[in-house]
Amino acid sequence: MQSATILTLIGVKTKLLLYDFIVLSFVYFLPALSHAFALPLYLLEPMRLVLIFSLFSTSRKNVFFLALSMPLFSYVSSGHPLLIKSLLISFELLINAVIFFRLNKSWDSPVFSVLVSVLASKILYYIFKYLLLTFGLLDGNLISSPTHIQLIVLAFAGIITFLMLNFHQVPKNKV
């Protein structure tokens, strides 16, 4: 019985490592793809979309690991975004995950939990970005991604969540 438990644990850890490898490879190659096709793929918030997918397909600890590591990994591997912005994005993704998990405990709708957690984390992101801009620690505009694209990404996040819950058969205890 104990050997079965150990094999199960090894299988779970292997799946998490494989999942993280695929996600981080995607994050690593995203700037290259963006440059190769002359498309500003960052506008589609791929890290957030990966995070949302991860909420329903991997462990809580792994979600937090990815939230913190994806922007930093992107910075280390490609120099983009800048370190201070990478830290800010890590904070935003981590807050997104924390708010989702808290809301999802008491709300009946994971889709609504995703939408509210994304909006709340964006609000906190912009508050902190404003402070960084005000103190001269960051250059640029407060809102660099067009608002309509951010709303499209938000709607897409809700649609992804709905589809995953209804067609991917995510177990109730996973959400």
N, C-alpha and C. Protein backbone atom coordinates (compact mmCIF):
# COMPACT_ATOMS: atom_id res chain seq x y z
N MET A 1 0.82 -1.20 0.00
CA MET A 1 0.00 0.00 0.00
C MET A 1 0.86 1.26 0.00
N GLN A 2 1.96 1.22 0.80
CA GLN A 2 2.83 2.38 0.89
C GLN A 2 3.55 2.63 -0.44
N SER A 3 3.93 1.59 -1.15
CA SER A 3 4.61 1.77 -2.43
C SER A 3 3.67 2.39 -3.46
N ALA A 4 2.38 2.05 -3.40
CA ALA A 4 1.40 2.66 -4.31
C ALA A 4 1.28 4.15 -4.03
N THR A 5 1.30 4.53 -2.75
CA THR A 5 1.23 5.93 -2.38
C THR A 5 2.46 6.67 -2.88
N ILE A 6 3.62 6.08 -2.73
CA ILE A 6 4.86 6.69 -3.20
C ILE A 6 4.83 6.85 -4.72
N LEU A 7 4.37 5.83 -5.44
CA LEU A 7 4.29 5.91 -6.90
C LEU A 7 3.29 6.99 -7.33
N THR A 8 2.19 7.10 -6.61
CA THR A 8 1.21 8.14 -6.91
C THR A 8 1.84 9.51 -6.70
N LEU A 9 2.55 9.69 -5.60
CA LEU A 9 3.21 10.96 -5.30
C LEU A 9 4.24 11.30 -6.37
N ILE A 10 5.02 10.31 -6.79
CA ILE A 10 6.01 10.53 -7.85
C ILE A 10 5.31 10.92 -9.15
N GLY A 11 4.19 10.26 -9.46
CA GLY A 11 3.42 10.59 -10.65
C GLY A 11 2.89 12.01 -10.62
N VAL A 12 2.38 12.43 -9.49
CA VAL A 12 1.86 13.80 -9.34
C VAL A 12 2.99 14.80 -9.50
N LYS A 13 4.10 14.56 -8.84
CA LYS A 13 5.25 15.48 -8.94
C LYS A 13 5.78 15.54 -10.38
N THR A 14 5.80 14.41 -11.06
CA THR A 14 6.25 14.38 -12.44
C THR A 14 5.32 15.19 -13.32
N LYS A 15 4.01 15.05 -13.11
CA LYS A 15 3.04 15.83 -13.88
C LYS A 15 3.22 17.32 -13.64
N LEU A 16 3.42 17.71 -12.37
CA LEU A 16 3.63 19.12 -12.06
C LEU A 16 4.91 19.65 -12.72
N LEU A 17 5.98 18.87 -12.66
CA LEU A 17 7.23 19.30 -13.28
C LEU A 17 7.07 19.42 -14.80
N LEU A 18 6.40 18.47 -15.41
CA LEU A 18 6.16 18.53 -16.85
C LEU A 18 5.30 19.74 -17.19
N TYR A 19 4.24 19.96 -16.42
CA TYR A 19 3.36 21.10 -16.63
C TYR A 19 4.16 22.40 -16.53
N ASP A 20 4.97 22.53 -15.48
CA ASP A 20 5.76 23.74 -15.28
C ASP A 20 6.77 23.92 -16.41
N PHE A 21 7.38 22.83 -16.85
CA PHE A 21 8.33 22.90 -17.96
C PHE A 21 7.65 23.43 -19.22
N ILE A 22 6.48 22.93 -19.52
CA ILE A 22 5.74 23.37 -20.71
C ILE A 22 5.35 24.84 -20.58
N VAL A 23 4.84 25.22 -19.42
CA VAL A 23 4.42 26.62 -19.20
C VAL A 23 5.62 27.55 -19.31
N LEU A 24 6.70 27.22 -18.63
CA LEU A 24 7.87 28.09 -18.65
C LEU A 24 8.51 28.13 -20.03
N SER A 25 8.45 27.04 -20.77
CA SER A 25 8.94 27.05 -22.16
C SER A 25 8.10 27.99 -23.00
N PHE A 26 6.80 27.94 -22.81
CA PHE A 26 5.89 28.84 -23.52
C PHE A 26 6.24 30.29 -23.20
N VAL A 27 6.42 30.60 -21.90
CA VAL A 27 6.76 31.95 -21.47
C VAL A 27 8.12 32.35 -22.05
N TYR A 28 9.05 31.41 -22.09
CA TYR A 28 10.39 31.68 -22.60
C TYR A 28 10.34 32.04 -24.09
N PHE A 29 9.57 31.30 -24.86
CA PHE A 29 9.54 31.52 -26.30
C PHE A 29 8.55 32.59 -26.74
N LEU A 30 7.70 33.05 -25.86
CA LEU A 30 6.70 34.05 -26.24
C LEU A 30 7.31 35.33 -26.80
N PRO A 31 8.33 35.91 -26.14
CA PRO A 31 8.93 37.12 -26.74
C PRO A 31 9.51 36.84 -28.13
N ALA A 32 10.11 35.69 -28.32
CA ALA A 32 10.66 35.35 -29.63
C ALA A 32 9.55 35.23 -30.67
N LEU A 33 8.47 34.58 -30.30
CA LEU A 33 7.32 34.47 -31.21
C LEU A 33 6.74 35.84 -31.53
N SER A 34 6.66 36.66 -30.51
CA SER A 34 6.13 38.01 -30.67
C SER A 34 6.97 38.80 -31.67
N HIS A 35 8.28 38.72 -31.54
CA HIS A 35 9.18 39.42 -32.46
C HIS A 35 9.15 38.79 -33.85
N ALA A 36 9.12 37.48 -33.92
CA ALA A 36 9.14 36.79 -35.21
C ALA A 36 7.93 37.12 -36.07
N PHE A 37 6.77 37.22 -35.42
CA PHE A 37 5.55 37.49 -36.17
C PHE A 37 5.12 38.95 -36.10
N ALA A 38 5.94 39.78 -35.47
CA ALA A 38 5.65 41.21 -35.31
C ALA A 38 4.27 41.44 -34.71
N LEU A 39 3.93 40.62 -33.73
CA LEU A 39 2.65 40.74 -33.03
C LEU A 39 2.92 41.02 -31.56
N PRO A 40 2.25 42.00 -30.99
CA PRO A 40 2.42 42.27 -29.56
C PRO A 40 1.59 41.28 -28.72
N LEU A 41 2.06 40.04 -28.64
CA LEU A 41 1.31 38.98 -27.96
C LEU A 41 1.11 39.27 -26.47
N TYR A 42 1.97 40.09 -25.88
CA TYR A 42 1.82 40.43 -24.47
C TYR A 42 0.49 41.11 -24.18
N LEU A 43 -0.10 41.74 -25.19
CA LEU A 43 -1.39 42.40 -25.00
C LEU A 43 -2.49 41.39 -24.65
N LEU A 44 -2.30 40.14 -25.05
CA LEU A 44 -3.29 39.10 -24.77
C LEU A 44 -3.12 38.50 -23.38
N GLU A 45 -2.18 39.03 -22.61
CA GLU A 45 -1.91 38.59 -21.24
C GLU A 45 -1.77 37.07 -21.14
N PRO A 46 -0.81 36.51 -21.88
CA PRO A 46 -0.67 35.05 -21.87
C PRO A 46 -0.36 34.48 -20.48
N MET A 47 0.36 35.23 -19.66
CA MET A 47 0.66 34.71 -18.32
C MET A 47 -0.61 34.59 -17.48
N ARG A 48 -1.50 35.54 -17.61
CA ARG A 48 -2.76 35.46 -16.88
C ARG A 48 -3.60 34.30 -17.37
N LEU A 49 -3.62 34.11 -18.68
CA LEU A 49 -4.40 33.01 -19.23
C LEU A 49 -3.83 31.66 -18.78
N VAL A 50 -2.51 31.55 -18.73
CA VAL A 50 -1.88 30.34 -18.20
C VAL A 50 -2.26 30.16 -16.73
N LEU A 51 -2.24 31.25 -15.98
CA LEU A 51 -2.60 31.19 -14.56
C LEU A 51 -4.03 30.69 -14.40
N ILE A 52 -4.94 31.22 -15.19
CA ILE A 52 -6.34 30.82 -15.09
C ILE A 52 -6.50 29.33 -15.44
N PHE A 53 -5.83 28.90 -16.49
CA PHE A 53 -5.87 27.48 -16.82
C PHE A 53 -5.31 26.66 -15.66
N SER A 54 -4.25 27.15 -15.04
CA SER A 54 -3.60 26.43 -13.93
C SER A 54 -4.50 26.33 -12.71
N LEU A 55 -5.37 27.31 -12.50
CA LEU A 55 -6.28 27.27 -11.36
C LEU A 55 -7.10 25.99 -11.34
N PHE A 56 -7.37 25.45 -12.54
CA PHE A 56 -8.26 24.30 -12.67
C PHE A 56 -7.53 23.02 -13.07
N SER A 57 -6.23 23.10 -13.26
CA SER A 57 -5.54 21.91 -13.75
C SER A 57 -4.30 21.52 -12.96
N THR A 58 -4.00 22.25 -11.92
CA THR A 58 -2.81 21.94 -11.13
C THR A 58 -3.06 22.31 -9.67
N SER A 59 -2.10 22.06 -8.83
CA SER A 59 -2.28 22.29 -7.39
C SER A 59 -2.17 23.77 -7.04
N ARG A 60 -2.70 24.12 -5.88
CA ARG A 60 -2.63 25.49 -5.39
C ARG A 60 -1.19 25.98 -5.28
N LYS A 61 -0.34 25.15 -4.69
CA LYS A 61 1.07 25.53 -4.54
C LYS A 61 1.70 25.80 -5.90
N ASN A 62 1.36 24.98 -6.88
CA ASN A 62 1.91 25.17 -8.21
C ASN A 62 1.38 26.45 -8.85
N VAL A 63 0.12 26.76 -8.61
CA VAL A 63 -0.44 28.01 -9.13
C VAL A 63 0.35 29.19 -8.57
N PHE A 64 0.63 29.17 -7.27
CA PHE A 64 1.39 30.26 -6.65
C PHE A 64 2.82 30.30 -7.20
N PHE A 65 3.41 29.13 -7.38
CA PHE A 65 4.76 29.07 -7.96
C PHE A 65 4.77 29.71 -9.35
N LEU A 66 3.80 29.34 -10.19
CA LEU A 66 3.74 29.89 -11.54
C LEU A 66 3.48 31.39 -11.53
N ALA A 67 2.59 31.83 -10.65
CA ALA A 67 2.28 33.26 -10.57
C ALA A 67 3.54 34.07 -10.26
N LEU A 68 4.34 33.56 -9.35
CA LEU A 68 5.56 34.27 -8.97
C LEU A 68 6.67 34.11 -10.01
N SER A 69 6.76 32.94 -10.61
CA SER A 69 7.93 32.65 -11.44
C SER A 69 7.79 33.04 -12.91
N MET A 70 6.59 33.01 -13.48
CA MET A 70 6.48 33.28 -14.93
C MET A 70 7.07 34.63 -15.33
N PRO A 71 6.67 35.74 -14.69
CA PRO A 71 7.25 37.03 -15.10
C PRO A 71 8.76 37.10 -14.84
N LEU A 72 9.20 36.53 -13.73
CA LEU A 72 10.63 36.56 -13.41
C LEU A 72 11.41 35.70 -14.39
N PHE A 73 10.86 34.55 -14.74
CA PHE A 73 11.50 33.68 -15.73
C PHE A 73 11.58 34.40 -17.07
N SER A 74 10.54 35.10 -17.44
CA SER A 74 10.54 35.86 -18.68
C SER A 74 11.63 36.93 -18.65
N TYR A 75 11.77 37.60 -17.52
CA TYR A 75 12.82 38.63 -17.39
C TYR A 75 14.20 38.00 -17.53
N VAL A 76 14.43 36.91 -16.81
CA VAL A 76 15.75 36.26 -16.83
C VAL A 76 16.07 35.71 -18.22
N SER A 77 15.07 35.17 -18.90
CA SER A 77 15.33 34.53 -20.19
C SER A 77 15.35 35.50 -21.36
N SER A 78 14.63 36.63 -21.25
CA SER A 78 14.56 37.52 -22.41
C SER A 78 14.82 38.99 -22.08
N GLY A 79 14.90 39.32 -20.80
CA GLY A 79 15.09 40.72 -20.43
C GLY A 79 13.82 41.55 -20.53
N HIS A 80 12.71 40.86 -20.76
CA HIS A 80 11.43 41.56 -20.89
C HIS A 80 10.38 40.85 -20.06
N PRO A 81 9.57 41.51 -19.32
CA PRO A 81 9.63 42.94 -19.02
C PRO A 81 10.77 43.25 -18.05
N LEU A 82 11.03 44.53 -17.84
CA LEU A 82 12.08 44.95 -16.91
C LEU A 82 11.83 44.34 -15.53
N LEU A 83 12.87 44.26 -14.72
CA LEU A 83 12.77 43.58 -13.43
C LEU A 83 11.65 44.16 -12.56
N ILE A 84 11.59 45.47 -12.43
CA ILE A 84 10.57 46.07 -11.56
C ILE A 84 9.16 45.75 -12.07
N LYS A 85 9.00 45.75 -13.39
CA LYS A 85 7.71 45.41 -13.99
C LYS A 85 7.42 43.92 -13.82
N SER A 86 8.44 43.09 -13.92
CA SER A 86 8.27 41.65 -13.69
C SER A 86 7.81 41.38 -12.27
N LEU A 87 8.40 42.08 -11.32
CA LEU A 87 7.97 41.93 -9.92
C LEU A 87 6.53 42.39 -9.74
N LEU A 88 6.18 43.47 -10.40
CA LEU A 88 4.80 43.98 -10.33
C LEU A 88 3.81 42.98 -10.93
N ILE A 89 4.17 42.39 -12.05
CA ILE A 89 3.30 41.39 -12.69
C ILE A 89 3.20 40.14 -11.82
N SER A 90 4.31 39.73 -11.22
CA SER A 90 4.28 38.57 -10.30
C SER A 90 3.32 38.85 -9.16
N PHE A 91 3.40 40.04 -8.60
CA PHE A 91 2.50 40.44 -7.52
C PHE A 91 1.05 40.38 -7.99
N GLU A 92 0.79 40.92 -9.18
CA GLU A 92 -0.57 40.92 -9.71
C GLU A 92 -1.11 39.50 -9.90
N LEU A 93 -0.30 38.62 -10.47
CA LEU A 93 -0.75 37.24 -10.69
C LEU A 93 -0.95 36.50 -9.38
N LEU A 94 -0.07 36.74 -8.42
CA LEU A 94 -0.22 36.12 -7.10
C LEU A 94 -1.51 36.59 -6.43
N ILE A 95 -1.77 37.89 -6.47
CA ILE A 95 -3.00 38.43 -5.89
C ILE A 95 -4.22 37.87 -6.62
N ASN A 96 -4.13 37.74 -7.93
CA ASN A 96 -5.21 37.16 -8.72
C ASN A 96 -5.55 35.76 -8.19
N ALA A 97 -4.52 34.94 -7.98
CA ALA A 97 -4.72 33.57 -7.50
C ALA A 97 -5.29 33.56 -6.08
N VAL A 98 -4.72 34.37 -5.20
CA VAL A 98 -5.18 34.41 -3.80
C VAL A 98 -6.65 34.83 -3.74
N ILE A 99 -7.01 35.88 -4.46
CA ILE A 99 -8.40 36.34 -4.45
C ILE A 99 -9.32 35.27 -5.03
N PHE A 100 -8.89 34.64 -6.13
CA PHE A 100 -9.72 33.58 -6.70
C PHE A 100 -10.00 32.49 -5.68
N PHE A 101 -8.95 31.98 -5.04
CA PHE A 101 -9.14 30.87 -4.09
C PHE A 101 -10.03 31.28 -2.92
N ARG A 102 -9.90 32.51 -2.46
CA ARG A 102 -10.75 32.97 -1.36
C ARG A 102 -12.21 33.12 -1.80
N LEU A 103 -12.43 33.74 -2.95
CA LEU A 103 -13.80 33.93 -3.44
C LEU A 103 -14.45 32.59 -3.77
N ASN A 104 -13.69 31.71 -4.35
CA ASN A 104 -14.25 30.45 -4.80
C ASN A 104 -14.70 29.55 -3.66
N LYS A 105 -14.16 29.79 -2.46
CA LYS A 105 -14.60 29.02 -1.29
C LYS A 105 -16.05 29.35 -0.94
N SER A 106 -16.42 30.61 -1.10
CA SER A 106 -17.74 31.02 -0.64
C SER A 106 -18.74 31.28 -1.77
N TRP A 107 -18.26 31.43 -2.98
CA TRP A 107 -19.17 31.67 -4.10
C TRP A 107 -19.41 30.38 -4.85
N ASP A 108 -20.56 30.31 -5.47
CA ASP A 108 -20.95 29.11 -6.21
C ASP A 108 -20.48 29.13 -7.66
N SER A 109 -19.94 30.26 -8.10
CA SER A 109 -19.59 30.39 -9.51
C SER A 109 -18.10 30.62 -9.71
N PRO A 110 -17.36 29.59 -10.14
CA PRO A 110 -15.94 29.79 -10.44
C PRO A 110 -15.71 30.83 -11.53
N VAL A 111 -16.63 30.93 -12.49
CA VAL A 111 -16.49 31.92 -13.55
C VAL A 111 -16.51 33.32 -12.94
N PHE A 112 -17.47 33.58 -12.08
CA PHE A 112 -17.57 34.88 -11.43
C PHE A 112 -16.35 35.12 -10.54
N SER A 113 -15.87 34.08 -9.86
CA SER A 113 -14.67 34.20 -9.02
C SER A 113 -13.46 34.59 -9.86
N VAL A 114 -13.33 34.00 -11.04
CA VAL A 114 -12.23 34.35 -11.94
C VAL A 114 -12.35 35.80 -12.38
N LEU A 115 -13.53 36.20 -12.82
CA LEU A 115 -13.71 37.57 -13.32
C LEU A 115 -13.43 38.61 -12.24
N VAL A 116 -13.97 38.41 -11.05
CA VAL A 116 -13.75 39.36 -9.97
C VAL A 116 -12.29 39.37 -9.53
N SER A 117 -11.66 38.20 -9.47
CA SER A 117 -10.25 38.15 -9.06
C SER A 117 -9.35 38.84 -10.07
N VAL A 118 -9.66 38.71 -11.35
CA VAL A 118 -8.87 39.40 -12.38
C VAL A 118 -9.05 40.91 -12.23
N LEU A 119 -10.29 41.35 -12.08
CA LEU A 119 -10.54 42.79 -11.94
C LEU A 119 -9.87 43.36 -10.69
N ALA A 120 -10.00 42.67 -9.57
CA ALA A 120 -9.41 43.14 -8.32
C ALA A 120 -7.88 43.19 -8.42
N SER A 121 -7.29 42.17 -9.02
CA SER A 121 -5.83 42.17 -9.15
C SER A 121 -5.35 43.27 -10.10
N LYS A 122 -6.13 43.56 -11.14
CA LYS A 122 -5.78 44.65 -12.05
C LYS A 122 -5.86 46.00 -11.34
N ILE A 123 -6.86 46.19 -10.51
CA ILE A 123 -6.98 47.44 -9.77
C ILE A 123 -5.76 47.63 -8.86
N LEU A 124 -5.39 46.57 -8.14
CA LEU A 124 -4.20 46.66 -7.28
C LEU A 124 -2.94 46.87 -8.11
N TYR A 125 -2.85 46.21 -9.25
CA TYR A 125 -1.70 46.40 -10.15
C TYR A 125 -1.57 47.87 -10.53
N TYR A 126 -2.68 48.49 -10.94
CA TYR A 126 -2.62 49.88 -11.37
C TYR A 126 -2.35 50.84 -10.22
N ILE A 127 -2.81 50.52 -9.04
CA ILE A 127 -2.48 51.35 -7.88
C ILE A 127 -0.97 51.31 -7.62
N PHE A 128 -0.40 50.11 -7.61
CA PHE A 128 1.03 49.99 -7.38
C PHE A 128 1.85 50.55 -8.54
N LYS A 129 1.38 50.37 -9.76
CA LYS A 129 2.08 50.94 -10.91
C LYS A 129 2.08 52.46 -10.83
N TYR A 130 0.95 53.03 -10.44
CA TYR A 130 0.86 54.48 -10.28
C TYR A 130 1.89 54.96 -9.25
N LEU A 131 1.99 54.24 -8.13
CA LEU A 131 2.97 54.62 -7.11
C LEU A 131 4.40 54.51 -7.64
N LEU A 132 4.70 53.45 -8.37
CA LEU A 132 6.04 53.29 -8.94
C LEU A 132 6.35 54.40 -9.95
N LEU A 133 5.36 54.77 -10.75
CA LEU A 133 5.55 55.87 -11.70
C LEU A 133 5.73 57.19 -10.96
N THR A 134 4.94 57.41 -9.93
CA THR A 134 5.01 58.65 -9.16
C THR A 134 6.38 58.83 -8.49
N PHE A 135 6.93 57.75 -7.97
CA PHE A 135 8.23 57.82 -7.30
C PHE A 135 9.41 57.66 -8.26
N GLY A 136 9.12 57.58 -9.56
CA GLY A 136 10.18 57.50 -10.55
C GLY A 136 10.89 56.16 -10.63
N LEU A 137 10.28 55.12 -10.08
CA LEU A 137 10.90 53.80 -10.11
C LEU A 137 10.55 53.03 -11.38
N LEU A 138 9.61 53.57 -12.14
CA LEU A 138 9.16 52.94 -13.38
C LEU A 138 8.87 54.04 -14.38
N ASP A 139 9.20 53.80 -15.63
CA ASP A 139 8.91 54.75 -16.71
C ASP A 139 7.74 54.24 -17.52
N GLY A 140 7.11 55.14 -18.23
CA GLY A 140 6.03 54.75 -19.13
C GLY A 140 4.69 55.33 -18.71
N ASN A 141 3.66 54.79 -19.32
CA ASN A 141 2.30 55.25 -19.05
C ASN A 141 1.64 54.35 -18.01
N LEU A 142 0.67 54.91 -17.32
CA LEU A 142 -0.06 54.11 -16.34
C LEU A 142 -0.77 52.95 -17.03
N ILE A 143 -1.48 53.25 -18.09
CA ILE A 143 -2.19 52.21 -18.83
C ILE A 143 -1.52 52.07 -20.19
N SER A 144 -0.76 50.98 -20.35
CA SER A 144 -0.03 50.79 -21.60
C SER A 144 -0.75 49.84 -22.56
N SER A 145 -1.61 48.99 -22.03
CA SER A 145 -2.42 48.11 -22.87
C SER A 145 -3.79 48.74 -23.03
N PRO A 146 -4.28 48.85 -24.26
CA PRO A 146 -5.59 49.47 -24.46
C PRO A 146 -6.69 48.80 -23.60
N THR A 147 -7.54 49.62 -23.04
CA THR A 147 -8.58 49.14 -22.15
C THR A 147 -9.50 48.13 -22.84
N HIS A 148 -9.83 48.38 -24.09
CA HIS A 148 -10.74 47.45 -24.79
C HIS A 148 -10.10 46.07 -24.94
N ILE A 149 -8.79 46.02 -25.12
CA ILE A 149 -8.13 44.72 -25.22
C ILE A 149 -8.13 44.03 -23.86
N GLN A 150 -7.94 44.80 -22.79
CA GLN A 150 -8.00 44.21 -21.45
C GLN A 150 -9.39 43.65 -21.17
N LEU A 151 -10.42 44.33 -21.64
CA LEU A 151 -11.79 43.83 -21.45
C LEU A 151 -12.03 42.56 -22.28
N ILE A 152 -11.44 42.50 -23.47
CA ILE A 152 -11.55 41.29 -24.29
C ILE A 152 -10.85 40.12 -23.60
N VAL A 153 -9.67 40.37 -23.05
CA VAL A 153 -8.95 39.32 -22.32
C VAL A 153 -9.76 38.87 -21.11
N LEU A 154 -10.39 39.81 -20.41
CA LEU A 154 -11.23 39.46 -19.26
C LEU A 154 -12.39 38.57 -19.70
N ALA A 155 -13.04 38.94 -20.79
CA ALA A 155 -14.14 38.12 -21.30
C ALA A 155 -13.63 36.74 -21.72
N PHE A 156 -12.48 36.70 -22.36
CA PHE A 156 -11.88 35.43 -22.78
C PHE A 156 -11.56 34.56 -21.57
N ALA A 157 -11.08 35.18 -20.48
CA ALA A 157 -10.80 34.45 -19.24
C ALA A 157 -12.07 33.80 -18.70
N GLY A 158 -13.17 34.54 -18.75
CA GLY A 158 -14.45 33.98 -18.31
C GLY A 158 -14.90 32.83 -19.20
N ILE A 159 -14.72 33.00 -20.50
CA ILE A 159 -15.11 31.95 -21.45
C ILE A 159 -14.25 30.70 -21.26
N ILE A 160 -12.95 30.89 -21.09
CA ILE A 160 -12.05 29.74 -20.85
C ILE A 160 -12.50 28.99 -19.60
N THR A 161 -12.78 29.73 -18.56
CA THR A 161 -13.21 29.11 -17.30
C THR A 161 -14.50 28.33 -17.51
N PHE A 162 -15.47 28.94 -18.16
CA PHE A 162 -16.75 28.28 -18.42
C PHE A 162 -16.54 26.99 -19.22
N LEU A 163 -15.74 27.08 -20.29
CA LEU A 163 -15.50 25.91 -21.13
C LEU A 163 -14.78 24.81 -20.37
N MET A 164 -13.77 25.18 -19.59
CA MET A 164 -13.04 24.17 -18.84
C MET A 164 -13.94 23.48 -17.84
N LEU A 165 -14.80 24.22 -17.18
CA LEU A 165 -15.68 23.63 -16.17
C LEU A 165 -16.76 22.76 -16.80
N ASN A 166 -17.18 23.11 -18.00
CA ASN A 166 -18.28 22.38 -18.62
C ASN A 166 -17.85 21.30 -19.59
N PHE A 167 -16.65 21.39 -20.12
CA PHE A 167 -16.24 20.41 -21.12
C PHE A 167 -14.99 19.62 -20.72
N HIS A 168 -14.24 20.15 -19.78
CA HIS A 168 -13.01 19.48 -19.34
C HIS A 168 -13.28 18.58 -18.15
N GLN A 169 -14.47 18.68 -17.58
CA GLN A 169 -14.86 17.87 -16.42
C GLN A 169 -13.89 18.02 -15.25
N VAL A 170 -13.68 19.28 -14.83
CA VAL A 170 -12.83 19.56 -13.68
C VAL A 170 -13.58 19.05 -12.45
N PRO A 171 -12.95 18.21 -11.62
CA PRO A 171 -13.61 17.72 -10.42
C PRO A 171 -13.98 18.88 -9.48
N LYS A 172 -15.10 18.76 -8.81
CA LYS A 172 -15.58 19.81 -7.92
C LYS A 172 -14.56 20.17 -6.85
N ASN A 173 -13.84 19.18 -6.33
CA ASN A 173 -12.87 19.47 -5.28
C ASN A 173 -11.63 20.16 -5.82
N LYS A 174 -11.45 20.20 -7.13
CA LYS A 174 -10.30 20.84 -7.74
C LYS A 174 -10.46 22.35 -7.79
N VAL A 175 -11.71 22.80 -7.82
CA VAL A 175 -11.96 24.23 -7.97
C VAL A 175 -12.08 24.90 -6.65
